[in-house]
Amino acid sequence: MPVAGMSIKAMSAKRHEDVVGEIEVNNDAKLTTVEETDLPAFGKKAMTVGFSFTTDYIDRKTKKKLAEILIDGSVLYMSDDHANVVKGWKTTKKLPEDVNIEIINAILRRCITKAVVLSEDLQMPPPMMIPHAQRKGAPANSYTM
């Protein structure tokens, strides 16, 4: 797996209002920077990919933002073709699809886990459906926010 590590640089979570009623929870991961990095211990070069992850809690009726979670950090990504990937980023602000998918999935795994803890601390619903036990005969996967 070319994702060699991840570093969280900043986290913030804020509840502007009570998160009740019908709400929408939107998670988004955006890549912000891609730079070449030296790894002297390995005698290799790699890429450092900066990212910003957000979870927004939106009131479905008013479209007002009720709360937000923000996480900024970077991913260390190793690739034999890192020089071309960095060059491509500088011109198009895009990564090759397979590289992009691998990095975004790593960010989502780590940040959604952190966002679940932060949402619980602020007494908000989790940023994703979490399985829960139900009585027999209850509709499967019912989930109310």
C-alpha atoms as a PDB file:
ATOM      1  CA  MET A   1       0.000   0.000   0.000  1.00  0.00           C
ATOM      2  CA  PRO A   2       1.634   3.255  -1.114  1.00  0.00           C
ATOM      3  CA  VAL A   3       0.014   5.314   1.683  1.00  0.00           C
ATOM      4  CA  ALA A   4       2.902   5.221   4.158  1.00  0.00           C
ATOM      5  CA  GLY A   5       1.477   7.522   6.810  1.00  0.00           C
ATOM      6  CA  MET A   6      -0.847  10.335   7.732  1.00  0.00           C
ATOM      7  CA  SER A   7      -0.439  13.390   9.907  1.00  0.00           C
ATOM      8  CA  ILE A   8      -3.288  15.425  11.404  1.00  0.00           C
ATOM      9  CA  LYS A   9      -2.268  19.078  11.724  1.00  0.00           C
ATOM     10  CA  ALA A  10      -5.491  20.693  12.964  1.00  0.00           C
ATOM     11  CA  MET A  11      -8.953  19.676  14.136  1.00  0.00           C
ATOM     12  CA  SER A  12     -11.918  21.768  15.096  1.00  0.00           C
ATOM     13  CA  ALA A  13     -15.538  21.020  15.830  1.00  0.00           C
ATOM     14  CA  LYS A  14     -18.256  23.527  16.530  1.00  0.00           C
ATOM     15  CA  ARG A  15     -21.966  23.252  17.158  1.00  0.00           C
ATOM     16  CA  HIS A  16     -23.606  26.554  16.159  1.00  0.00           C
ATOM     17  CA  GLU A  17     -27.079  25.397  17.222  1.00  0.00           C
ATOM     18  CA  ASP A  18     -28.727  22.248  18.532  1.00  0.00           C
ATOM     19  CA  VAL A  19     -28.530  19.507  15.933  1.00  0.00           C
ATOM     20  CA  VAL A  20     -32.110  18.219  15.994  1.00  0.00           C
ATOM     21  CA  GLY A  21     -34.887  17.462  13.548  1.00  0.00           C
ATOM     22  CA  GLU A  22     -34.315  16.538   9.940  1.00  0.00           C
ATOM     23  CA  ILE A  23     -30.675  17.127   9.140  1.00  0.00           C
ATOM     24  CA  GLU A  24     -28.260  16.381   6.333  1.00  0.00           C
ATOM     25  CA  VAL A  25     -24.714  15.291   7.125  1.00  0.00           C
ATOM     26  CA  ASN A  26     -22.189  15.958   4.371  1.00  0.00           C
ATOM     27  CA  ASN A  27     -18.616  14.641   4.468  1.00  0.00           C
ATOM     28  CA  ASP A  28     -16.031  15.964   2.023  1.00  0.00           C
ATOM     29  CA  ALA A  29     -12.309  15.377   1.569  1.00  0.00           C
ATOM     30  CA  LYS A  30     -10.330  17.761  -0.646  1.00  0.00           C
ATOM     31  CA  LEU A  31      -6.709  17.539  -1.651  1.00  0.00           C
ATOM     32  CA  THR A  32      -5.001  20.906  -1.220  1.00  0.00           C
ATOM     33  CA  THR A  33      -1.304  20.410  -2.002  1.00  0.00           C
ATOM     34  CA  VAL A  34       1.022  17.824  -3.523  1.00  0.00           C
ATOM     35  CA  GLU A  35       4.766  18.145  -2.973  1.00  0.00           C
ATOM     36  CA  GLU A  36       7.808  15.952  -3.409  1.00  0.00           C
ATOM     37  CA  THR A  37       9.388  14.851  -0.118  1.00  0.00           C
ATOM     38  CA  ASP A  38      12.789  13.331   0.674  1.00  0.00           C
ATOM     39  CA  LEU A  39      12.865  10.190   2.810  1.00  0.00           C
ATOM     40  CA  PRO A  40      16.568  10.049   3.782  1.00  0.00           C
ATOM     41  CA  ALA A  41      16.128   6.965   5.989  1.00  0.00           C
ATOM     42  CA  PHE A  42      14.953   5.008   2.945  1.00  0.00           C
ATOM     43  CA  GLY A  43      17.091   6.779   0.359  1.00  0.00           C
ATOM     44  CA  LYS A  44      13.917   7.529  -1.599  1.00  0.00           C
ATOM     45  CA  LYS A  45      11.570  10.338  -2.461  1.00  0.00           C
ATOM     46  CA  ALA A  46       7.816  10.344  -1.956  1.00  0.00           C
ATOM     47  CA  MET A  47       4.881  12.757  -2.024  1.00  0.00           C
ATOM     48  CA  THR A  48       3.245  14.702   0.748  1.00  0.00           C
ATOM     49  CA  VAL A  49      -0.410  15.327  -0.090  1.00  0.00           C
ATOM     50  CA  GLY A  50      -2.158  18.006   1.968  1.00  0.00           C
ATOM     51  CA  PHE A  51      -5.877  17.641   2.632  1.00  0.00           C
ATOM     52  CA  SER A  52      -8.882  19.254   4.241  1.00  0.00           C
ATOM     53  CA  PHE A  53     -11.777  17.123   5.517  1.00  0.00           C
ATOM     54  CA  THR A  54     -15.115  18.624   6.509  1.00  0.00           C
ATOM     55  CA  THR A  55     -18.334  17.327   7.981  1.00  0.00           C
ATOM     56  CA  ASP A  56     -21.258  19.754   7.780  1.00  0.00           C
ATOM     57  CA  TYR A  57     -24.560  19.321   9.609  1.00  0.00           C
ATOM     58  CA  ILE A  58     -27.288  21.131   7.649  1.00  0.00           C
ATOM     59  CA  ASP A  59     -30.951  21.691   8.585  1.00  0.00           C
ATOM     60  CA  ARG A  60     -32.905  20.138   5.683  1.00  0.00           C
ATOM     61  CA  LYS A  61     -35.704  22.694   5.841  1.00  0.00           C
ATOM     62  CA  THR A  62     -33.792  25.956   6.270  1.00  0.00           C
ATOM     63  CA  LYS A  63     -30.460  24.809   4.718  1.00  0.00           C
ATOM     64  CA  LYS A  64     -28.740  26.496   7.665  1.00  0.00           C
ATOM     65  CA  LYS A  65     -25.411  25.062   8.869  1.00  0.00           C
ATOM     66  CA  LEU A  66     -25.975  23.774  12.415  1.00  0.00           C
ATOM     67  CA  ALA A  67     -22.487  22.382  13.091  1.00  0.00           C
ATOM     68  CA  GLU A  68     -19.189  21.557  11.444  1.00  0.00           C
ATOM     69  CA  ILE A  69     -16.110  19.428  11.926  1.00  0.00           C
ATOM     70  CA  LEU A  70     -12.848  20.388  10.183  1.00  0.00           C
ATOM     71  CA  ILE A  71      -9.685  18.278   9.972  1.00  0.00           C
ATOM     72  CA  ASP A  72      -6.527  19.333   8.111  1.00  0.00           C
ATOM     73  CA  GLY A  73      -3.486  17.176   7.563  1.00  0.00           C
ATOM     74  CA  SER A  74      -1.234  15.426   5.108  1.00  0.00           C
ATOM     75  CA  VAL A  75      -0.709  11.970   3.676  1.00  0.00           C
ATOM     76  CA  LEU A  76       2.709  10.500   2.893  1.00  0.00           C
ATOM     77  CA  TYR A  77       2.358   8.600  -0.382  1.00  0.00           C
ATOM     78  CA  MET A  78       5.068   6.468  -1.957  1.00  0.00           C
ATOM     79  CA  SER A  79       5.111   5.856  -5.688  1.00  0.00           C
ATOM     80  CA  ASP A  80       7.733   4.921  -8.255  1.00  0.00           C
ATOM     81  CA  ASP A  81       6.257   7.622 -10.501  1.00  0.00           C
ATOM     82  CA  HIS A  82       5.962  10.382  -7.877  1.00  0.00           C
ATOM     83  CA  ALA A  83       7.836  12.972  -9.974  1.00  0.00           C
ATOM     84  CA  ASN A  84       5.289  12.740 -12.814  1.00  0.00           C
ATOM     85  CA  VAL A  85       2.371  12.733 -10.382  1.00  0.00           C
ATOM     86  CA  VAL A  86       3.667  15.911  -8.697  1.00  0.00           C
ATOM     87  CA  LYS A  87       4.280  17.521 -12.109  1.00  0.00           C
ATOM     88  CA  GLY A  88       0.736  16.618 -13.216  1.00  0.00           C
ATOM     89  CA  TRP A  89      -0.713  18.102 -10.029  1.00  0.00           C
ATOM     90  CA  LYS A  90       1.099  21.374 -10.604  1.00  0.00           C
ATOM     91  CA  THR A  91      -0.489  21.762 -14.042  1.00  0.00           C
ATOM     92  CA  THR A  92      -3.977  20.276 -13.575  1.00  0.00           C
ATOM     93  CA  LYS A  93      -4.545  20.135  -9.780  1.00  0.00           C
ATOM     94  CA  LYS A  94      -5.549  16.487 -10.302  1.00  0.00           C
ATOM     95  CA  LEU A  95      -3.980  13.153  -9.451  1.00  0.00           C
ATOM     96  CA  PRO A  96      -4.206   9.961 -11.497  1.00  0.00           C
ATOM     97  CA  GLU A  97      -7.484   8.237 -10.633  1.00  0.00           C
ATOM     98  CA  ASP A  98      -5.960   5.213  -8.878  1.00  0.00           C
ATOM     99  CA  VAL A  99      -3.692   7.419  -6.740  1.00  0.00           C
ATOM    100  CA  ASN A 100      -6.550   9.826  -5.965  1.00  0.00           C
ATOM    101  CA  ILE A 101      -8.889   7.019  -4.883  1.00  0.00           C
ATOM    102  CA  GLU A 102      -6.287   5.425  -2.618  1.00  0.00           C
ATOM    103  CA  ILE A 103      -5.442   8.730  -0.916  1.00  0.00           C
ATOM    104  CA  ILE A 104      -9.074   9.853  -0.521  1.00  0.00           C
ATOM    105  CA  ASN A 105     -10.044   6.466   0.967  1.00  0.00           C
ATOM    106  CA  ALA A 106      -7.185   6.695   3.497  1.00  0.00           C
ATOM    107  CA  ILE A 107      -8.320  10.216   4.453  1.00  0.00           C
ATOM    108  CA  LEU A 108     -11.958   9.141   4.801  1.00  0.00           C
ATOM    109  CA  ARG A 109     -11.073   6.128   6.982  1.00  0.00           C
ATOM    110  CA  ARG A 110      -8.991   8.188   9.386  1.00  0.00           C
ATOM    111  CA  CYS A 111     -11.061  11.384   9.460  1.00  0.00           C
ATOM    112  CA  ILE A 112     -14.507   9.833   9.752  1.00  0.00           C
ATOM    113  CA  THR A 113     -13.218   7.864  12.731  1.00  0.00           C
ATOM    114  CA  LYS A 114     -12.041  11.116  14.343  1.00  0.00           C
ATOM    115  CA  ALA A 115     -15.299  12.870  13.378  1.00  0.00           C
ATOM    116  CA  VAL A 116     -17.360  10.153  15.098  1.00  0.00           C
ATOM    117  CA  VAL A 117     -15.552  10.844  18.387  1.00  0.00           C
ATOM    118  CA  LEU A 118     -15.826  14.636  17.997  1.00  0.00           C
ATOM    119  CA  SER A 119     -19.540  14.415  17.142  1.00  0.00           C
ATOM    120  CA  GLU A 120     -20.164  12.326  20.254  1.00  0.00           C
ATOM    121  CA  ASP A 121     -18.268  14.847  22.400  1.00  0.00           C
ATOM    122  CA  LEU A 122     -20.491  17.643  21.055  1.00  0.00           C
ATOM    123  CA  GLN A 123     -23.672  15.548  21.458  1.00  0.00           C
ATOM    124  CA  MET A 124     -24.389  15.398  17.728  1.00  0.00           C
ATOM    125  CA  PRO A 125     -25.314  12.462  15.507  1.00  0.00           C
ATOM    126  CA  PRO A 126     -22.349  10.571  14.021  1.00  0.00           C
ATOM    127  CA  PRO A 127     -21.218  11.648  10.535  1.00  0.00           C
ATOM    128  CA  MET A 128     -22.231   8.276   9.083  1.00  0.00           C
ATOM    129  CA  MET A 129     -24.722   5.521   9.761  1.00  0.00           C
ATOM    130  CA  ILE A 130     -23.508   3.242  12.503  1.00  0.00           C
ATOM    131  CA  PRO A 131     -25.165  -0.165  12.805  1.00  0.00           C
ATOM    132  CA  HIS A 132     -27.319  -0.594  15.881  1.00  0.00           C
ATOM    133  CA  ALA A 133     -29.363  -3.362  17.455  1.00  0.00           C
ATOM    134  CA  GLN A 134     -33.124  -3.285  16.894  1.00  0.00           C
ATOM    135  CA  ARG A 135     -36.178  -5.179  18.020  1.00  0.00           C
ATOM    136  CA  LYS A 136     -37.282  -8.069  15.865  1.00  0.00           C
ATOM    137  CA  GLY A 137     -39.574  -6.943  13.083  1.00  0.00           C
ATOM    138  CA  ALA A 138     -38.257  -3.340  12.975  1.00  0.00           C
ATOM    139  CA  PRO A 139     -37.391  -2.046   9.519  1.00  0.00           C
ATOM    140  CA  ALA A 140     -33.811  -2.891   8.614  1.00  0.00           C
ATOM    141  CA  ASN A 141     -31.293  -0.019   8.559  1.00  0.00           C
ATOM    142  CA  SER A 142     -33.762   2.524   9.908  1.00  0.00           C
ATOM    143  CA  TYR A 143     -31.872   5.591  11.002  1.00  0.00           C
ATOM    144  CA  THR A 144     -33.254   8.892  12.197  1.00  0.00           C
ATOM    145  CA  MET A 145     -31.337  12.095  12.700  1.00  0.00           C
END
